[in-house]
Amino acid sequence: MAMFYFDVHDGDRVLKDDDGTDLADIDAARAHAVVVVQELMFRRDGMLERDWSEWKMSIHDGEGGELLRFNFSDVSPRETS
């Protein structure tokens, strides 16, 4: 297990993850990040009207090195049943 940190960039500022999440590997971190983005974009009341085109998620390791970055717009909506 390793600590991963998930920062959100909205084009103007960065919302830093100071707590981190303990996950098995980068694949688990990527999957976790996608779920977080889906929650922000498609599930949160009051946030649905936002323009997500400039928003990005970055994943960092415990040393602060960036492992992955992607645009919110690259994430598909969660399937609902």
PDB file of N, CA and C in Angstrom:
ATOM      1  N   MET A   1       0.842  -1.174   0.000  1.00  0.00           N
ATOM      2  CA  MET A   1       0.000   0.000   0.000  1.00  0.00           C
ATOM      3  C   MET A   1       0.894   1.246   0.000  1.00  0.00           C
ATOM      4  N   ALA A   2       0.360   2.286  -0.614  1.00  0.00           N
ATOM      5  CA  ALA A   2       1.095   3.547  -0.701  1.00  0.00           C
ATOM      6  C   ALA A   2       0.115   4.709  -0.582  1.00  0.00           C
ATOM      7  N   MET A   3       0.616   5.832  -0.141  1.00  0.00           N
ATOM      8  CA  MET A   3      -0.208   7.036  -0.035  1.00  0.00           C
ATOM      9  C   MET A   3      -0.212   7.768  -1.378  1.00  0.00           C
ATOM     10  N   PHE A   4      -1.412   8.160  -1.785  1.00  0.00           N
ATOM     11  CA  PHE A   4      -1.606   8.955  -2.989  1.00  0.00           C
ATOM     12  C   PHE A   4      -2.394  10.203  -2.606  1.00  0.00           C
ATOM     13  N   TYR A   5      -2.065  11.309  -3.259  1.00  0.00           N
ATOM     14  CA  TYR A   5      -2.697  12.600  -2.985  1.00  0.00           C
ATOM     15  C   TYR A   5      -3.372  13.077  -4.257  1.00  0.00           C
ATOM     16  N   PHE A   6      -4.599  13.567  -4.117  1.00  0.00           N
ATOM     17  CA  PHE A   6      -5.443  13.918  -5.259  1.00  0.00           C
ATOM     18  C   PHE A   6      -5.754  15.409  -5.204  1.00  0.00           C
ATOM     19  N   ASP A   7      -5.118  16.175  -6.072  1.00  0.00           N
ATOM     20  CA  ASP A   7      -5.327  17.618  -6.111  1.00  0.00           C
ATOM     21  C   ASP A   7      -6.244  17.976  -7.266  1.00  0.00           C
ATOM     22  N   VAL A   8      -7.090  18.964  -7.046  1.00  0.00           N
ATOM     23  CA  VAL A   8      -8.029  19.433  -8.058  1.00  0.00           C
ATOM     24  C   VAL A   8      -7.620  20.843  -8.468  1.00  0.00           C
ATOM     25  N   HIS A   9      -7.501  21.051  -9.772  1.00  0.00           N
ATOM     26  CA  HIS A   9      -7.125  22.350 -10.342  1.00  0.00           C
ATOM     27  C   HIS A   9      -8.318  22.867 -11.130  1.00  0.00           C
ATOM     28  N   ASP A  10      -8.732  24.100 -10.856  1.00  0.00           N
ATOM     29  CA  ASP A  10      -9.896  24.638 -11.562  1.00  0.00           C
ATOM     30  C   ASP A  10      -9.528  25.695 -12.598  1.00  0.00           C
ATOM     31  N   GLY A  11      -8.269  25.810 -12.940  1.00  0.00           N
ATOM     32  CA  GLY A  11      -7.822  26.810 -13.901  1.00  0.00           C
ATOM     33  C   GLY A  11      -7.246  28.030 -13.223  1.00  0.00           C
ATOM     34  N   ASP A  12      -7.705  28.332 -12.002  1.00  0.00           N
ATOM     35  CA  ASP A  12      -7.208  29.491 -11.262  1.00  0.00           C
ATOM     36  C   ASP A  12      -6.499  29.098  -9.976  1.00  0.00           C
ATOM     37  N   ARG A  13      -6.985  28.076  -9.336  1.00  0.00           N
ATOM     38  CA  ARG A  13      -6.410  27.690  -8.047  1.00  0.00           C
ATOM     39  C   ARG A  13      -6.334  26.170  -7.943  1.00  0.00           C
ATOM     40  N   VAL A  14      -5.613  25.731  -6.930  1.00  0.00           N
ATOM     41  CA  VAL A  14      -5.448  24.304  -6.679  1.00  0.00           C
ATOM     42  C   VAL A  14      -6.068  23.980  -5.325  1.00  0.00           C
ATOM     43  N   LEU A  15      -6.913  22.962  -5.303  1.00  0.00           N
ATOM     44  CA  LEU A  15      -7.459  22.448  -4.050  1.00  0.00           C
ATOM     45  C   LEU A  15      -6.612  21.239  -3.672  1.00  0.00           C
ATOM     46  N   LYS A  16      -5.749  21.409  -2.673  1.00  0.00           N
ATOM     47  CA  LYS A  16      -4.769  20.387  -2.298  1.00  0.00           C
ATOM     48  C   LYS A  16      -5.370  19.336  -1.377  1.00  0.00           C
ATOM     49  N   ASP A  17      -4.981  18.110  -1.613  1.00  0.00           N
ATOM     50  CA  ASP A  17      -5.326  16.985  -0.744  1.00  0.00           C
ATOM     51  C   ASP A  17      -4.173  16.817   0.241  1.00  0.00           C
ATOM     52  N   ASP A  18      -4.381  17.253   1.472  1.00  0.00           N
ATOM     53  CA  ASP A  18      -3.331  17.158   2.484  1.00  0.00           C
ATOM     54  C   ASP A  18      -3.351  15.834   3.237  1.00  0.00           C
ATOM     55  N   ASP A  19      -4.467  15.098   3.145  1.00  0.00           N
ATOM     56  CA  ASP A  19      -4.603  13.853   3.902  1.00  0.00           C
ATOM     57  C   ASP A  19      -4.127  12.626   3.136  1.00  0.00           C
ATOM     58  N   GLY A  20      -4.394  12.590   1.843  1.00  0.00           N
ATOM     59  CA  GLY A  20      -4.018  11.441   1.033  1.00  0.00           C
ATOM     60  C   GLY A  20      -4.921  10.244   1.273  1.00  0.00           C
ATOM     61  N   THR A  21      -4.736   9.235   0.432  1.00  0.00           N
ATOM     62  CA  THR A  21      -5.492   7.989   0.519  1.00  0.00           C
ATOM     63  C   THR A  21      -4.519   6.841   0.320  1.00  0.00           C
ATOM     64  N   ASP A  22      -4.609   5.848   1.176  1.00  0.00           N
ATOM     65  CA  ASP A  22      -3.734   4.680   1.109  1.00  0.00           C
ATOM     66  C   ASP A  22      -4.347   3.668   0.142  1.00  0.00           C
ATOM     67  N   LEU A  23      -3.657   3.416  -0.962  1.00  0.00           N
ATOM     68  CA  LEU A  23      -4.167   2.521  -2.001  1.00  0.00           C
ATOM     69  C   LEU A  23      -3.076   1.554  -2.449  1.00  0.00           C
ATOM     70  N   ALA A  24      -3.486   0.496  -3.118  1.00  0.00           N
ATOM     71  CA  ALA A  24      -2.564  -0.574  -3.503  1.00  0.00           C
ATOM     72  C   ALA A  24      -1.508  -0.124  -4.506  1.00  0.00           C
ATOM     73  N   ASP A  25      -1.931   0.641  -5.533  1.00  0.00           N
ATOM     74  CA  ASP A  25      -0.992   1.007  -6.596  1.00  0.00           C
ATOM     75  C   ASP A  25      -1.583   2.140  -7.436  1.00  0.00           C
ATOM     76  N   ILE A  26      -0.872   2.541  -8.468  1.00  0.00           N
ATOM     77  CA  ILE A  26      -1.316   3.656  -9.308  1.00  0.00           C
ATOM     78  C   ILE A  26      -2.620   3.329 -10.034  1.00  0.00           C
ATOM     79  N   ASP A  27      -2.843   2.075 -10.375  1.00  0.00           N
ATOM     80  CA  ASP A  27      -4.113   1.717 -11.018  1.00  0.00           C
ATOM     81  C   ASP A  27      -5.286   1.944 -10.067  1.00  0.00           C
ATOM     82  N   ALA A  28      -5.114   1.572  -8.807  1.00  0.00           N
ATOM     83  CA  ALA A  28      -6.158   1.822  -7.812  1.00  0.00           C
ATOM     84  C   ALA A  28      -6.328   3.322  -7.589  1.00  0.00           C
ATOM     85  N   ALA A  29      -5.241   4.063  -7.616  1.00  0.00           N
ATOM     86  CA  ALA A  29      -5.309   5.520  -7.457  1.00  0.00           C
ATOM     87  C   ALA A  29      -6.051   6.162  -8.627  1.00  0.00           C
ATOM     88  N   ARG A  30      -5.781   5.697  -9.833  1.00  0.00           N
ATOM     89  CA  ARG A  30      -6.479   6.209 -11.018  1.00  0.00           C
ATOM     90  C   ARG A  30      -7.979   5.937 -10.918  1.00  0.00           C
ATOM     91  N   ALA A  31      -8.343   4.727 -10.536  1.00  0.00           N
ATOM     92  CA  ALA A  31      -9.756   4.376 -10.399  1.00  0.00           C
ATOM     93  C   ALA A  31     -10.426   5.235  -9.325  1.00  0.00           C
ATOM     94  N   HIS A  32      -9.746   5.464  -8.226  1.00  0.00           N
ATOM     95  CA  HIS A  32     -10.270   6.306  -7.153  1.00  0.00           C
ATOM     96  C   HIS A  32     -10.482   7.741  -7.658  1.00  0.00           C
ATOM     97  N   ALA A  33      -9.509   8.259  -8.396  1.00  0.00           N
ATOM     98  CA  ALA A  33      -9.603   9.623  -8.933  1.00  0.00           C
ATOM     99  C   ALA A  33     -10.796   9.764  -9.869  1.00  0.00           C
ATOM    100  N   VAL A  34     -11.032   8.783 -10.704  1.00  0.00           N
ATOM    101  CA  VAL A  34     -12.166   8.833 -11.634  1.00  0.00           C
ATOM    102  C   VAL A  34     -13.481   8.892 -10.854  1.00  0.00           C
ATOM    103  N   VAL A  35     -13.605   8.100  -9.802  1.00  0.00           N
ATOM    104  CA  VAL A  35     -14.821   8.117  -8.986  1.00  0.00           C
ATOM    105  C   VAL A  35     -15.006   9.491  -8.338  1.00  0.00           C
ATOM    106  N   VAL A  36     -13.934  10.072  -7.836  1.00  0.00           N
ATOM    107  CA  VAL A  36     -14.018  11.400  -7.215  1.00  0.00           C
ATOM    108  C   VAL A  36     -14.484  12.427  -8.238  1.00  0.00           C
ATOM    109  N   VAL A  37     -13.912  12.408  -9.432  1.00  0.00           N
ATOM    110  CA  VAL A  37     -14.316  13.346 -10.482  1.00  0.00           C
ATOM    111  C   VAL A  37     -15.780  13.146 -10.846  1.00  0.00           C
ATOM    112  N   GLN A  38     -16.202  11.898 -10.995  1.00  0.00           N
ATOM    113  CA  GLN A  38     -17.611  11.626 -11.306  1.00  0.00           C
ATOM    114  C   GLN A  38     -18.523  12.178 -10.213  1.00  0.00           C
ATOM    115  N   GLU A  39     -18.124  12.008  -8.972  1.00  0.00           N
ATOM    116  CA  GLU A  39     -18.916  12.534  -7.863  1.00  0.00           C
ATOM    117  C   GLU A  39     -19.025  14.052  -7.957  1.00  0.00           C
ATOM    118  N   LEU A  40     -17.915  14.710  -8.195  1.00  0.00           N
ATOM    119  CA  LEU A  40     -17.918  16.171  -8.292  1.00  0.00           C
ATOM    120  C   LEU A  40     -18.756  16.665  -9.463  1.00  0.00           C
ATOM    121  N   MET A  41     -18.590  16.036 -10.603  1.00  0.00           N
ATOM    122  CA  MET A  41     -19.240  16.517 -11.821  1.00  0.00           C
ATOM    123  C   MET A  41     -20.711  16.151 -11.915  1.00  0.00           C
ATOM    124  N   PHE A  42     -21.087  14.973 -11.475  1.00  0.00           N
ATOM    125  CA  PHE A  42     -22.400  14.449 -11.803  1.00  0.00           C
ATOM    126  C   PHE A  42     -23.306  14.152 -10.612  1.00  0.00           C
ATOM    127  N   ARG A  43     -22.770  14.212  -9.410  1.00  0.00           N
ATOM    128  CA  ARG A  43     -23.570  13.795  -8.268  1.00  0.00           C
ATOM    129  C   ARG A  43     -23.815  14.886  -7.241  1.00  0.00           C
ATOM    130  N   ARG A  44     -23.012  15.910  -7.203  1.00  0.00           N
ATOM    131  CA  ARG A  44     -23.117  16.908  -6.148  1.00  0.00           C
ATOM    132  C   ARG A  44     -24.114  17.991  -6.494  1.00  0.00           C
ATOM    133  N   ASP A  45     -25.104  18.187  -5.628  1.00  0.00           N
ATOM    134  CA  ASP A  45     -26.055  19.283  -5.803  1.00  0.00           C
ATOM    135  C   ASP A  45     -25.291  20.599  -5.752  1.00  0.00           C
ATOM    136  N   GLY A  46     -25.690  21.532  -6.591  1.00  0.00           N
ATOM    137  CA  GLY A  46     -25.067  22.836  -6.606  1.00  0.00           C
ATOM    138  C   GLY A  46     -23.805  22.918  -7.437  1.00  0.00           C
ATOM    139  N   MET A  47     -23.287  21.793  -7.891  1.00  0.00           N
ATOM    140  CA  MET A  47     -22.063  21.815  -8.684  1.00  0.00           C
ATOM    141  C   MET A  47     -22.333  21.445 -10.131  1.00  0.00           C
ATOM    142  N   LEU A  48     -23.551  21.087 -10.446  1.00  0.00           N
ATOM    143  CA  LEU A  48     -23.861  20.607 -11.793  1.00  0.00           C
ATOM    144  C   LEU A  48     -23.787  21.702 -12.848  1.00  0.00           C
ATOM    145  N   GLU A  49     -23.879  22.956 -12.434  1.00  0.00           N
ATOM    146  CA  GLU A  49     -23.857  24.056 -13.397  1.00  0.00           C
ATOM    147  C   GLU A  49     -22.448  24.540 -13.710  1.00  0.00           C
ATOM    148  N   ARG A  50     -21.458  23.948 -13.129  1.00  0.00           N
ATOM    149  CA  ARG A  50     -20.083  24.401 -13.344  1.00  0.00           C
ATOM    150  C   ARG A  50     -19.587  24.050 -14.747  1.00  0.00           C
ATOM    151  N   ASP A  51     -18.684  24.896 -15.236  1.00  0.00           N
ATOM    152  CA  ASP A  51     -17.997  24.612 -16.487  1.00  0.00           C
ATOM    153  C   ASP A  51     -16.737  23.817 -16.133  1.00  0.00           C
ATOM    154  N   TRP A  52     -16.772  22.541 -16.410  1.00  0.00           N
ATOM    155  CA  TRP A  52     -15.684  21.639 -16.011  1.00  0.00           C
ATOM    156  C   TRP A  52     -14.546  21.604 -17.024  1.00  0.00           C
ATOM    157  N   SER A  53     -14.628  22.359 -18.116  1.00  0.00           N
ATOM    158  CA  SER A  53     -13.642  22.237 -19.189  1.00  0.00           C
ATOM    159  C   SER A  53     -12.222  22.578 -18.746  1.00  0.00           C
ATOM    160  N   GLU A  54     -12.062  23.427 -17.753  1.00  0.00           N
ATOM    161  CA  GLU A  54     -10.723  23.817 -17.293  1.00  0.00           C
ATOM    162  C   GLU A  54     -10.242  23.000 -16.093  1.00  0.00           C
ATOM    163  N   TRP A  55     -11.104  22.178 -15.527  1.00  0.00           N
ATOM    164  CA  TRP A  55     -10.750  21.456 -14.313  1.00  0.00           C
ATOM    165  C   TRP A  55      -9.890  20.238 -14.622  1.00  0.00           C
ATOM    166  N   LYS A  56      -8.925  19.979 -13.716  1.00  0.00           N
ATOM    167  CA  LYS A  56      -8.017  18.838 -13.858  1.00  0.00           C
ATOM    168  C   LYS A  56      -7.854  18.159 -12.496  1.00  0.00           C
ATOM    169  N   MET A  57      -7.555  16.886 -12.539  1.00  0.00           N
ATOM    170  CA  MET A  57      -7.208  16.119 -11.341  1.00  0.00           C
ATOM    171  C   MET A  57      -5.761  15.688 -11.502  1.00  0.00           C
ATOM    172  N   SER A  58      -4.960  15.851 -10.452  1.00  0.00           N
ATOM    173  CA  SER A  58      -3.595  15.328 -10.486  1.00  0.00           C
ATOM    174  C   SER A  58      -3.396  14.406  -9.291  1.00  0.00           C
ATOM    175  N   ILE A  59      -2.623  13.374  -9.524  1.00  0.00           N
ATOM    176  CA  ILE A  59      -2.311  12.385  -8.492  1.00  0.00           C
ATOM    177  C   ILE A  59      -0.818  12.494  -8.196  1.00  0.00           C
ATOM    178  N   HIS A  60      -0.504  12.612  -6.904  1.00  0.00           N
ATOM    179  CA  HIS A  60       0.882  12.741  -6.464  1.00  0.00           C
ATOM    180  C   HIS A  60       1.227  11.601  -5.503  1.00  0.00           C
ATOM    181  N   ASP A  61       2.508  11.278  -5.464  1.00  0.00           N
ATOM    182  CA  ASP A  61       2.983  10.287  -4.501  1.00  0.00           C
ATOM    183  C   ASP A  61       3.347  10.983  -3.193  1.00  0.00           C
ATOM    184  N   GLY A  62       3.813  10.220  -2.230  1.00  0.00           N
ATOM    185  CA  GLY A  62       4.169  10.754  -0.922  1.00  0.00           C
ATOM    186  C   GLY A  62       5.324  11.727  -0.941  1.00  0.00           C
ATOM    187  N   GLU A  63       6.107  11.705  -1.990  1.00  0.00           N
ATOM    188  CA  GLU A  63       7.237  12.628  -2.138  1.00  0.00           C
ATOM    189  C   GLU A  63       6.821  13.926  -2.826  1.00  0.00           C
ATOM    190  N   GLY A  64       5.580  13.985  -3.299  1.00  0.00           N
ATOM    191  CA  GLY A  64       5.097  15.180  -3.991  1.00  0.00           C
ATOM    192  C   GLY A  64       5.241  15.117  -5.500  1.00  0.00           C
ATOM    193  N   GLY A  65       5.781  14.015  -6.011  1.00  0.00           N
ATOM    194  CA  GLY A  65       5.937  13.865  -7.460  1.00  0.00           C
ATOM    195  C   GLY A  65       4.609  13.584  -8.143  1.00  0.00           C
ATOM    196  N   GLU A  66       4.359  14.286  -9.237  1.00  0.00           N
ATOM    197  CA  GLU A  66       3.115  14.060  -9.979  1.00  0.00           C
ATOM    198  C   GLU A  66       3.212  12.761 -10.768  1.00  0.00           C
ATOM    199  N   LEU A  67       2.232  11.884 -10.565  1.00  0.00           N
ATOM    200  CA  LEU A  67       2.198  10.593 -11.239  1.00  0.00           C
ATOM    201  C   LEU A  67       1.272  10.602 -12.441  1.00  0.00           C
ATOM    202  N   LEU A  68       0.211  11.390 -12.345  1.00  0.00           N
ATOM    203  CA  LEU A  68      -0.816  11.385 -13.382  1.00  0.00           C
ATOM    204  C   LEU A  68      -1.610  12.668 -13.288  1.00  0.00           C
ATOM    205  N   ARG A  69      -2.050  13.173 -14.461  1.00  0.00           N
ATOM    206  CA  ARG A  69      -2.936  14.336 -14.514  1.00  0.00           C
ATOM    207  C   ARG A  69      -3.907  14.107 -15.663  1.00  0.00           C
ATOM    208  N   PHE A  70      -5.182  14.441 -15.437  1.00  0.00           N
ATOM    209  CA  PHE A  70      -6.158  14.325 -16.510  1.00  0.00           C
ATOM    210  C   PHE A  70      -7.225  15.390 -16.356  1.00  0.00           C
ATOM    211  N   ASN A  71      -7.885  15.711 -17.453  1.00  0.00           N
ATOM    212  CA  ASN A  71      -8.968  16.688 -17.463  1.00  0.00           C
ATOM    213  C   ASN A  71     -10.257  16.036 -16.994  1.00  0.00           C
ATOM    214  N   PHE A  72     -11.064  16.787 -16.266  1.00  0.00           N
ATOM    215  CA  PHE A  72     -12.377  16.290 -15.866  1.00  0.00           C
ATOM    216  C   PHE A  72     -13.181  15.914 -17.100  1.00  0.00           C
ATOM    217  N   SER A  73     -13.015  16.685 -18.179  1.00  0.00           N
ATOM    218  CA  SER A  73     -13.807  16.445 -19.390  1.00  0.00           C
ATOM    219  C   SER A  73     -13.473  15.110 -20.046  1.00  0.00           C
ATOM    220  N   ASP A  74     -12.370  14.467 -19.642  1.00  0.00           N
ATOM    221  CA  ASP A  74     -12.010  13.151 -20.181  1.00  0.00           C
ATOM    222  C   ASP A  74     -12.732  12.004 -19.463  1.00  0.00           C
ATOM    223  N   VAL A  75     -13.459  12.321 -18.393  1.00  0.00           N
ATOM    224  CA  VAL A  75     -14.121  11.300 -17.584  1.00  0.00           C
ATOM    225  C   VAL A  75     -15.574  11.168 -18.032  1.00  0.00           C
ATOM    226  N   SER A  76     -15.997   9.947 -18.262  1.00  0.00           N
ATOM    227  CA  SER A  76     -17.391   9.674 -18.645  1.00  0.00           C
ATOM    228  C   SER A  76     -18.278   9.694 -17.418  1.00  0.00           C
ATOM    229  N   PRO A  77     -19.530  10.076 -17.600  1.00  0.00           N
ATOM    230  CA  PRO A  77     -20.451  10.054 -16.465  1.00  0.00           C
ATOM    231  C   PRO A  77     -20.652   8.640 -15.951  1.00  0.00           C
ATOM    232  N   ARG A  78     -20.944   8.550 -14.687  1.00  0.00           N
ATOM    233  CA  ARG A  78     -21.215   7.253 -14.066  1.00  0.00           C
ATOM    234  C   ARG A  78     -22.561   6.748 -14.565  1.00  0.00           C
ATOM    235  N   GLU A  79     -22.611   5.459 -14.815  1.00  0.00           N
ATOM    236  CA  GLU A  79     -23.885   4.829 -15.216  1.00  0.00           C
ATOM    237  C   GLU A  79     -24.803   4.805 -14.012  1.00  0.00           C
ATOM    238  N   THR A  80     -26.053   5.137 -14.210  1.00  0.00           N
ATOM    239  CA  THR A  80     -27.034   5.066 -13.139  1.00  0.00           C
ATOM    240  C   THR A  80     -28.054   3.994 -13.464  1.00  0.00           C
ATOM    241  N   SER A  81     -28.531   3.331 -12.418  1.00  0.00           N
ATOM    242  CA  SER A  81     -29.549   2.302 -12.663  1.00  0.00           C
ATOM    243  C   SER A  81     -30.803   2.609 -11.909  1.00  0.00           C
TER     244      SER A  81
END
